[in-house]
Amino acid sequence: MIHRKADETGVPLHLDNRPPLLDRLLELTGTAYLFATAEEADGRMAAAEQAAGTRPAPPPS
């Protein structure tokens, strides 16, 4: 469900600092396609921001 909502708004899901074990688990379960790499996520977010003419607020620290 989260993937669908994120996809509708053009927001990519990604996991930072994924260990190899998590990558393997995502591949085995067939869910790796749900998560973008950090580079893909950055590119998609930049394209979405440009299309919307806005820039989202940074996440809280």
N, C-alpha and C. Protein backbone atom coordinates (compact mmCIF):
# COMPACT_ATOMS: atom_id res chain seq x y z
N MET A 1 0.82 -1.18 0.00
CA MET A 1 0.00 0.00 0.00
C MET A 1 0.87 1.26 0.00
N ILE A 2 1.92 1.28 0.78
CA ILE A 2 2.79 2.45 0.81
C ILE A 2 3.41 2.68 -0.56
N HIS A 3 3.82 1.58 -1.21
CA HIS A 3 4.43 1.71 -2.54
C HIS A 3 3.45 2.36 -3.52
N ARG A 4 2.18 1.95 -3.46
CA ARG A 4 1.18 2.53 -4.37
C ARG A 4 1.02 4.02 -4.15
N LYS A 5 0.92 4.44 -2.89
CA LYS A 5 0.76 5.86 -2.58
C LYS A 5 1.99 6.65 -3.02
N ALA A 6 3.17 6.12 -2.76
CA ALA A 6 4.40 6.80 -3.15
C ALA A 6 4.49 6.89 -4.67
N ASP A 7 4.13 5.82 -5.34
CA ASP A 7 4.19 5.79 -6.80
C ASP A 7 3.21 6.80 -7.41
N GLU A 8 2.02 6.93 -6.83
CA GLU A 8 1.03 7.88 -7.33
C GLU A 8 1.54 9.31 -7.27
N THR A 9 2.30 9.63 -6.25
CA THR A 9 2.81 10.99 -6.07
C THR A 9 4.19 11.19 -6.69
N GLY A 10 4.77 10.13 -7.22
CA GLY A 10 6.08 10.24 -7.85
C GLY A 10 7.24 10.25 -6.87
N VAL A 11 6.98 9.84 -5.64
CA VAL A 11 8.02 9.80 -4.61
C VAL A 11 8.61 8.39 -4.57
N PRO A 12 9.90 8.25 -4.83
CA PRO A 12 10.51 6.93 -4.81
C PRO A 12 10.79 6.45 -3.39
N LEU A 13 10.68 5.17 -3.19
CA LEU A 13 11.06 4.57 -1.91
C LEU A 13 12.49 4.06 -2.06
N HIS A 14 13.31 4.34 -1.07
CA HIS A 14 14.66 3.79 -1.09
C HIS A 14 15.12 3.52 0.33
N LEU A 15 16.05 2.63 0.46
CA LEU A 15 16.62 2.28 1.75
C LEU A 15 18.08 2.69 1.74
N ASP A 16 18.46 3.54 2.66
CA ASP A 16 19.86 3.97 2.77
C ASP A 16 20.72 2.89 3.39
N ASN A 17 21.95 2.80 2.92
CA ASN A 17 22.96 1.91 3.51
C ASN A 17 22.47 0.46 3.63
N ARG A 18 21.93 -0.05 2.52
CA ARG A 18 21.44 -1.43 2.54
C ARG A 18 22.60 -2.41 2.62
N PRO A 19 22.59 -3.29 3.61
CA PRO A 19 23.64 -4.31 3.66
C PRO A 19 23.35 -5.39 2.61
N PRO A 20 24.37 -6.12 2.19
CA PRO A 20 24.18 -7.17 1.19
C PRO A 20 23.11 -8.18 1.58
N LEU A 21 22.99 -8.48 2.87
CA LEU A 21 21.99 -9.44 3.32
C LEU A 21 20.57 -8.93 3.01
N LEU A 22 20.33 -7.65 3.21
CA LEU A 22 19.01 -7.09 2.90
C LEU A 22 18.75 -7.12 1.40
N ASP A 23 19.76 -6.79 0.60
CA ASP A 23 19.61 -6.88 -0.86
C ASP A 23 19.21 -8.30 -1.27
N ARG A 24 19.87 -9.27 -0.67
CA ARG A 24 19.57 -10.67 -0.99
C ARG A 24 18.15 -11.02 -0.58
N LEU A 25 17.72 -10.58 0.59
CA LEU A 25 16.37 -10.85 1.06
C LEU A 25 15.33 -10.21 0.14
N LEU A 26 15.58 -8.99 -0.29
CA LEU A 26 14.66 -8.32 -1.21
C LEU A 26 14.58 -9.06 -2.54
N GLU A 27 15.71 -9.56 -3.01
CA GLU A 27 15.71 -10.33 -4.26
C GLU A 27 14.94 -11.64 -4.09
N LEU A 28 15.19 -12.35 -2.99
CA LEU A 28 14.52 -13.63 -2.76
C LEU A 28 13.01 -13.49 -2.63
N THR A 29 12.56 -12.40 -2.01
CA THR A 29 11.13 -12.21 -1.80
C THR A 29 10.45 -11.52 -2.98
N GLY A 30 11.25 -11.09 -3.97
CA GLY A 30 10.67 -10.44 -5.14
C GLY A 30 10.22 -9.01 -4.88
N THR A 31 10.77 -8.38 -3.85
CA THR A 31 10.35 -7.02 -3.52
C THR A 31 11.42 -5.97 -3.82
N ALA A 32 12.53 -6.36 -4.39
CA ALA A 32 13.61 -5.41 -4.68
C ALA A 32 13.15 -4.31 -5.62
N TYR A 33 12.26 -4.63 -6.55
CA TYR A 33 11.80 -3.63 -7.51
C TYR A 33 11.03 -2.49 -6.85
N LEU A 34 10.57 -2.68 -5.63
CA LEU A 34 9.81 -1.64 -4.94
C LEU A 34 10.69 -0.49 -4.46
N PHE A 35 11.99 -0.74 -4.35
CA PHE A 35 12.90 0.25 -3.80
C PHE A 35 13.90 0.72 -4.84
N ALA A 36 14.04 2.04 -4.95
CA ALA A 36 15.01 2.63 -5.86
C ALA A 36 16.37 2.66 -5.19
N THR A 37 17.41 2.74 -6.00
CA THR A 37 18.73 3.00 -5.43
C THR A 37 18.76 4.48 -5.05
N ALA A 38 19.72 4.88 -4.26
CA ALA A 38 19.81 6.28 -3.84
C ALA A 38 19.94 7.20 -5.05
N GLU A 39 20.72 6.77 -6.06
CA GLU A 39 20.91 7.60 -7.26
C GLU A 39 19.60 7.74 -8.04
N GLU A 40 18.86 6.64 -8.17
CA GLU A 40 17.58 6.68 -8.86
C GLU A 40 16.59 7.56 -8.11
N ALA A 41 16.58 7.44 -6.78
CA ALA A 41 15.66 8.22 -5.97
C ALA A 41 15.97 9.71 -6.11
N ASP A 42 17.24 10.08 -6.09
CA ASP A 42 17.62 11.48 -6.24
C ASP A 42 17.17 12.03 -7.58
N GLY A 43 17.35 11.24 -8.64
CA GLY A 43 16.95 11.67 -9.97
C GLY A 43 15.45 11.82 -10.10
N ARG A 44 14.69 10.89 -9.54
CA ARG A 44 13.23 10.97 -9.61
C ARG A 44 12.70 12.14 -8.80
N MET A 45 13.28 12.37 -7.63
CA MET A 45 12.83 13.48 -6.80
C MET A 45 13.13 14.81 -7.49
N ALA A 46 14.29 14.94 -8.10
CA ALA A 46 14.63 16.18 -8.81
C ALA A 46 13.66 16.42 -9.96
N ALA A 47 13.32 15.37 -10.69
CA ALA A 47 12.37 15.51 -11.80
C ALA A 47 10.99 15.89 -11.29
N ALA A 48 10.56 15.29 -10.18
CA ALA A 48 9.24 15.61 -9.61
C ALA A 48 9.21 17.04 -9.10
N GLU A 49 10.29 17.49 -8.47
CA GLU A 49 10.37 18.86 -7.97
C GLU A 49 10.32 19.85 -9.12
N GLN A 50 11.04 19.56 -10.18
CA GLN A 50 11.05 20.45 -11.34
C GLN A 50 9.67 20.51 -11.98
N ALA A 51 9.01 19.38 -12.08
CA ALA A 51 7.68 19.35 -12.69
C ALA A 51 6.67 20.11 -11.84
N ALA A 52 6.79 20.00 -10.53
CA ALA A 52 5.86 20.67 -9.63
C ALA A 52 6.24 22.12 -9.37
N GLY A 53 7.47 22.46 -9.69
CA GLY A 53 7.94 23.82 -9.45
C GLY A 53 8.15 24.12 -7.98
N THR A 54 8.26 23.08 -7.18
CA THR A 54 8.46 23.26 -5.74
C THR A 54 9.56 22.35 -5.27
N ARG A 55 10.01 22.62 -4.11
CA ARG A 55 11.02 21.77 -3.48
C ARG A 55 10.50 21.38 -2.10
N PRO A 56 10.44 20.09 -1.78
CA PRO A 56 9.90 19.70 -0.48
C PRO A 56 10.82 20.12 0.66
N ALA A 57 10.25 20.27 1.82
CA ALA A 57 11.03 20.63 3.02
C ALA A 57 11.97 19.48 3.36
N PRO A 58 13.16 19.80 3.86
CA PRO A 58 14.09 18.74 4.24
C PRO A 58 13.54 17.94 5.41
N PRO A 59 13.93 16.67 5.51
CA PRO A 59 13.45 15.87 6.64
C PRO A 59 14.01 16.39 7.95
N PRO A 60 13.28 16.21 9.04
CA PRO A 60 13.80 16.67 10.34
C PRO A 60 15.03 15.87 10.74
N SER A 61 15.95 16.53 11.44
CA SER A 61 17.17 15.84 11.84
C SER A 61 17.04 15.15 13.16
